[in-house]
C-alpha atoms as a PDB file:
ATOM      1  CA  UNK A   1       6.010 -38.118 -43.551  1.00  0.00           C
ATOM      2  CA  UNK A   2       5.601 -41.559 -43.944  1.00  0.00           C
ATOM      3  CA  UNK A   3       2.749 -43.227 -45.195  1.00  0.00           C
ATOM      4  CA  UNK A   4       2.169 -45.688 -41.362  1.00  0.00           C
ATOM      5  CA  UNK A   5       2.380 -42.219 -39.389  1.00  0.00           C
ATOM      6  CA  UNK A   6       0.315 -40.150 -42.347  1.00  0.00           C
ATOM      7  CA  UNK A   7      -2.527 -43.123 -41.991  1.00  0.00           C
ATOM      8  CA  UNK A   8      -3.152 -42.631 -37.683  1.00  0.00           C
ATOM      9  CA  UNK A   9      -3.378 -39.241 -38.800  1.00  0.00           C
ATOM     10  CA  UNK A  10      -6.517 -39.615 -40.106  1.00  0.00           C
ATOM     11  CA  UNK A  11      -9.568 -40.890 -38.751  1.00  0.00           C
ATOM     12  CA  UNK A  12     -11.131 -43.905 -40.025  1.00  0.00           C
ATOM     13  CA  UNK A  13     -14.415 -41.984 -40.348  1.00  0.00           C
ATOM     14  CA  UNK A  14     -13.279 -40.917 -43.813  1.00  0.00           C
ATOM     15  CA  UNK A  15     -15.423 -39.581 -46.460  1.00  0.00           C
ATOM     16  CA  UNK A  16     -15.940 -41.413 -50.052  1.00  0.00           C
ATOM     17  CA  UNK A  17     -13.131 -39.126 -51.708  1.00  0.00           C
ATOM     18  CA  UNK A  18     -14.480 -37.940 -54.718  1.00  0.00           C
ATOM     19  CA  UNK A  19     -12.369 -36.538 -57.772  1.00  0.00           C
ATOM     20  CA  UNK A  20      -9.153 -38.436 -57.314  1.00  0.00           C
ATOM     21  CA  UNK A  21      -8.218 -37.277 -53.759  1.00  0.00           C
ATOM     22  CA  UNK A  22      -5.814 -39.921 -53.330  1.00  0.00           C
ATOM     23  CA  UNK A  23      -3.021 -40.530 -50.254  1.00  0.00           C
ATOM     24  CA  UNK A  24      -0.522 -38.615 -52.112  1.00  0.00           C
ATOM     25  CA  UNK A  25      -3.047 -35.304 -51.737  1.00  0.00           C
ATOM     26  CA  UNK A  26      -3.471 -36.309 -48.211  1.00  0.00           C
ATOM     27  CA  UNK A  27      -0.222 -36.436 -47.741  1.00  0.00           C
ATOM     28  CA  UNK A  28       0.367 -33.267 -49.454  1.00  0.00           C
ATOM     29  CA  UNK A  29      -2.268 -31.178 -46.795  1.00  0.00           C
ATOM     30  CA  UNK A  30      -0.129 -32.391 -43.988  1.00  0.00           C
ATOM     31  CA  UNK A  31       3.140 -30.828 -45.572  1.00  0.00           C
ATOM     32  CA  UNK A  32       1.267 -27.607 -46.627  1.00  0.00           C
ATOM     33  CA  UNK A  33       0.005 -27.209 -43.274  1.00  0.00           C
ATOM     34  CA  UNK A  34       3.455 -27.025 -41.891  1.00  0.00           C
ATOM     35  CA  UNK A  35       4.988 -24.733 -44.620  1.00  0.00           C
ATOM     36  CA  UNK A  36       2.365 -22.535 -44.087  1.00  0.00           C
ATOM     37  CA  UNK A  37       2.492 -22.946 -40.133  1.00  0.00           C
ATOM     38  CA  UNK A  38       6.259 -22.309 -40.413  1.00  0.00           C
ATOM     39  CA  UNK A  39       6.026 -19.568 -43.157  1.00  0.00           C
ATOM     40  CA  UNK A  40       3.142 -17.208 -41.602  1.00  0.00           C
ATOM     41  CA  UNK A  41       5.147 -17.895 -37.760  1.00  0.00           C
ATOM     42  CA  UNK A  42       7.886 -15.777 -39.866  1.00  0.00           C
ATOM     43  CA  UNK A  43       5.925 -13.519 -41.352  1.00  0.00           C
ATOM     44  CA  UNK A  44       7.424 -14.700 -45.513  1.00  0.00           C
ATOM     45  CA  UNK A  45       4.845 -13.225 -47.413  1.00  0.00           C
ATOM     46  CA  UNK A  46       6.922 -14.392 -50.464  1.00  0.00           C
ATOM     47  CA  UNK A  47       6.754 -18.017 -49.002  1.00  0.00           C
ATOM     48  CA  UNK A  48       3.018 -17.351 -47.680  1.00  0.00           C
ATOM     49  CA  UNK A  49       2.185 -16.477 -52.062  1.00  0.00           C
ATOM     50  CA  UNK A  50       3.246 -19.624 -53.057  1.00  0.00           C
ATOM     51  CA  UNK A  51       1.960 -22.272 -50.563  1.00  0.00           C
ATOM     52  CA  UNK A  52      -1.576 -20.339 -51.501  1.00  0.00           C
ATOM     53  CA  UNK A  53      -4.247 -18.638 -53.887  1.00  0.00           C
ATOM     54  CA  UNK A  54      -3.873 -15.216 -54.750  1.00  0.00           C
ATOM     55  CA  UNK A  55      -6.819 -14.187 -52.061  1.00  0.00           C
ATOM     56  CA  UNK A  56      -5.599 -16.213 -49.071  1.00  0.00           C
ATOM     57  CA  UNK A  57      -1.844 -14.501 -49.489  1.00  0.00           C
ATOM     58  CA  UNK A  58      -3.873 -10.960 -49.345  1.00  0.00           C
ATOM     59  CA  UNK A  59      -5.715 -12.191 -46.457  1.00  0.00           C
ATOM     60  CA  UNK A  60      -2.138 -13.396 -44.817  1.00  0.00           C
ATOM     61  CA  UNK A  61      -0.341 -10.570 -46.342  1.00  0.00           C
ATOM     62  CA  UNK A  62      -2.821  -8.207 -44.289  1.00  0.00           C
ATOM     63  CA  UNK A  63      -3.510  -9.341 -41.463  1.00  0.00           C
ATOM     64  CA  UNK A  64       0.776  -9.270 -41.233  1.00  0.00           C
ATOM     65  CA  UNK A  65       0.611  -5.441 -41.886  1.00  0.00           C
ATOM     66  CA  UNK A  66      -2.248  -4.880 -39.894  1.00  0.00           C
ATOM     67  CA  UNK A  67      -0.407  -6.729 -36.492  1.00  0.00           C
ATOM     68  CA  UNK A  68       2.732  -5.288 -37.050  1.00  0.00           C
ATOM     69  CA  UNK A  69       1.208  -1.263 -37.214  1.00  0.00           C
ATOM     70  CA  UNK A  70      -0.304  -2.409 -33.427  1.00  0.00           C
ATOM     71  CA  UNK A  71       3.600  -3.419 -32.916  1.00  0.00           C
ATOM     72  CA  UNK A  72       2.558  -7.131 -32.578  1.00  0.00           C
ATOM     73  CA  UNK A  73       3.059 -10.199 -34.240  1.00  0.00           C
ATOM     74  CA  UNK A  74       1.707 -13.910 -33.897  1.00  0.00           C
ATOM     75  CA  UNK A  75       4.657 -15.890 -32.918  1.00  0.00           C
ATOM     76  CA  UNK A  76       2.851 -20.310 -33.392  1.00  0.00           C
ATOM     77  CA  UNK A  77       5.653 -21.649 -32.445  1.00  0.00           C
ATOM     78  CA  UNK A  78       6.230 -26.242 -32.025  1.00  0.00           C
ATOM     79  CA  UNK A  79       3.218 -26.831 -34.050  1.00  0.00           C
ATOM     80  CA  UNK A  80       2.275 -30.463 -33.777  1.00  0.00           C
ATOM     81  CA  UNK A  81       0.122 -32.061 -36.078  1.00  0.00           C
ATOM     82  CA  UNK A  82      -2.234 -34.042 -34.500  1.00  0.00           C
ATOM     83  CA  UNK A  83      -4.947 -35.234 -36.876  1.00  0.00           C
ATOM     84  CA  UNK A  84      -7.399 -34.713 -40.103  1.00  0.00           C
ATOM     85  CA  UNK A  85     -10.820 -35.242 -40.673  1.00  0.00           C
ATOM     86  CA  UNK A  86     -11.630 -35.406 -44.147  1.00  0.00           C
ATOM     87  CA  UNK A  87     -14.875 -33.145 -44.971  1.00  0.00           C
ATOM     88  CA  UNK A  88     -15.598 -32.404 -48.069  1.00  0.00           C
ATOM     89  CA  UNK A  89     -14.054 -33.155 -51.802  1.00  0.00           C
ATOM     90  CA  UNK A  90     -15.642 -30.777 -54.924  1.00  0.00           C
ATOM     91  CA  UNK A  91     -15.191 -29.778 -58.564  1.00  0.00           C
ATOM     92  CA  UNK A  92     -15.932 -26.191 -59.962  1.00  0.00           C
ATOM     93  CA  UNK A  93     -14.923 -26.152 -63.437  1.00  0.00           C
ATOM     94  CA  UNK A  94     -11.143 -27.413 -63.500  1.00  0.00           C
ATOM     95  CA  UNK A  95     -10.656 -26.629 -60.311  1.00  0.00           C
ATOM     96  CA  UNK A  96     -10.831 -29.067 -57.552  1.00  0.00           C
ATOM     97  CA  UNK A  97     -11.526 -28.425 -53.783  1.00  0.00           C
ATOM     98  CA  UNK A  98     -11.035 -30.504 -50.700  1.00  0.00           C
ATOM     99  CA  UNK A  99     -11.550 -29.844 -47.174  1.00  0.00           C
ATOM    100  CA  UNK A 100     -10.427 -30.994 -43.789  1.00  0.00           C
ATOM    101  CA  UNK A 101     -10.962 -30.915 -40.707  1.00  0.00           C
ATOM    102  CA  UNK A 102      -6.946 -30.068 -39.111  1.00  0.00           C
ATOM    103  CA  UNK A 103      -6.354 -30.516 -35.488  1.00  0.00           C
ATOM    104  CA  UNK A 104      -3.194 -29.493 -34.232  1.00  0.00           C
ATOM    105  CA  UNK A 105      -1.136 -28.525 -31.354  1.00  0.00           C
ATOM    106  CA  UNK A 106       1.099 -25.115 -31.050  1.00  0.00           C
ATOM    107  CA  UNK A 107       2.204 -22.132 -28.371  1.00  0.00           C
ATOM    108  CA  UNK A 108       0.272 -19.606 -30.215  1.00  0.00           C
ATOM    109  CA  UNK A 109       0.819 -16.358 -28.645  1.00  0.00           C
ATOM    110  CA  UNK A 110       1.784 -12.205 -29.892  1.00  0.00           C
ATOM    111  CA  UNK A 111       4.510 -10.592 -28.437  1.00  0.00           C
ATOM    112  CA  UNK A 112       4.773  -6.499 -28.927  1.00  0.00           C
ATOM    113  CA  UNK A 113       7.357  -5.491 -31.485  1.00  0.00           C
ATOM    114  CA  UNK A 114       8.206  -2.151 -30.418  1.00  0.00           C
ATOM    115  CA  UNK A 115       9.870  -0.855 -27.387  1.00  0.00           C
ATOM    116  CA  UNK A 116      13.038  -1.183 -25.759  1.00  0.00           C
ATOM    117  CA  UNK A 117      12.953  -4.838 -24.137  1.00  0.00           C
ATOM    118  CA  UNK A 118      15.753  -6.751 -25.180  1.00  0.00           C
ATOM    119  CA  UNK A 119      12.850  -9.959 -25.226  1.00  0.00           C
ATOM    120  CA  UNK A 120      10.062  -9.442 -27.108  1.00  0.00           C
ATOM    121  CA  UNK A 121       7.203  -9.037 -24.418  1.00  0.00           C
ATOM    122  CA  UNK A 122       4.251 -11.758 -24.381  1.00  0.00           C
ATOM    123  CA  UNK A 123       0.708  -9.964 -24.719  1.00  0.00           C
ATOM    124  CA  UNK A 124      -1.791 -12.088 -25.522  1.00  0.00           C
ATOM    125  CA  UNK A 125      -1.790 -16.075 -24.564  1.00  0.00           C
ATOM    126  CA  UNK A 126       0.989 -18.179 -23.569  1.00  0.00           C
ATOM    127  CA  UNK A 127       4.268 -18.827 -24.808  1.00  0.00           C
ATOM    128  CA  UNK A 128       4.882 -21.552 -22.506  1.00  0.00           C
ATOM    129  CA  UNK A 129       1.639 -23.815 -22.992  1.00  0.00           C
ATOM    130  CA  UNK A 130       0.697 -25.564 -26.137  1.00  0.00           C
ATOM    131  CA  UNK A 131      -3.012 -25.056 -27.200  1.00  0.00           C
ATOM    132  CA  UNK A 132      -4.924 -27.491 -29.440  1.00  0.00           C
ATOM    133  CA  UNK A 133      -6.557 -26.103 -32.290  1.00  0.00           C
ATOM    134  CA  UNK A 134      -9.448 -27.357 -34.865  1.00  0.00           C
ATOM    135  CA  UNK A 135      -9.383 -25.506 -37.908  1.00  0.00           C
ATOM    136  CA  UNK A 136     -10.988 -26.055 -41.622  1.00  0.00           C
ATOM    137  CA  UNK A 137      -8.575 -25.935 -44.148  1.00  0.00           C
ATOM    138  CA  UNK A 138      -9.440 -25.855 -47.720  1.00  0.00           C
ATOM    139  CA  UNK A 139      -7.158 -26.772 -50.533  1.00  0.00           C
ATOM    140  CA  UNK A 140      -7.461 -26.176 -54.521  1.00  0.00           C
ATOM    141  CA  UNK A 141      -5.788 -26.642 -57.473  1.00  0.00           C
ATOM    142  CA  UNK A 142      -6.154 -26.678 -61.089  1.00  0.00           C
ATOM    143  CA  UNK A 143      -5.539 -29.630 -63.170  1.00  0.00           C
ATOM    144  CA  UNK A 144      -3.004 -31.898 -62.301  1.00  0.00           C
ATOM    145  CA  UNK A 145      -1.139 -28.385 -59.991  1.00  0.00           C
ATOM    146  CA  UNK A 146      -0.309 -28.155 -57.060  1.00  0.00           C
ATOM    147  CA  UNK A 147      -2.362 -27.463 -54.312  1.00  0.00           C
ATOM    148  CA  UNK A 148      -2.311 -24.973 -52.493  1.00  0.00           C
ATOM    149  CA  UNK A 149      -4.448 -23.349 -49.066  1.00  0.00           C
ATOM    150  CA  UNK A 150      -7.523 -21.917 -50.523  1.00  0.00           C
ATOM    151  CA  UNK A 151      -9.145 -20.644 -47.008  1.00  0.00           C
ATOM    152  CA  UNK A 152      -9.400 -21.439 -43.072  1.00  0.00           C
ATOM    153  CA  UNK A 153     -12.192 -21.886 -41.006  1.00  0.00           C
ATOM    154  CA  UNK A 154     -12.260 -21.335 -37.350  1.00  0.00           C
ATOM    155  CA  UNK A 155     -14.196 -24.067 -35.491  1.00  0.00           C
END
């Protein structure tokens, strides 16, 4: 994402940055958001393991398996990243954490994956009307390593 575009996404009310979280990190958070959304939508557990901490990957795997047992799949499509507001940056030992309130729009609905229908049947949400979503996303990294998604909290 070009720097100028990314800057517009970040609200002017910024928290003071601690632990050297800079513009490159913020750009990575937006890229991680897009990659996680795509991996979730595709049920790509390998990608989710690369993008997230082990605990978060286990949560995603559990949710995908639970939905599959119920004959469902969560579709998140047409994701448009709208804004982000940094909330916290901290260090615990050799691990850095950064939390931001992310706001985005997408189609978010459930489809039934079992049955004889040619097209998956929508059973929750609306496959035609995007919804706006706000979530707190926490990212973690060790040393100079890559940021990984560590937690998502619904707002």
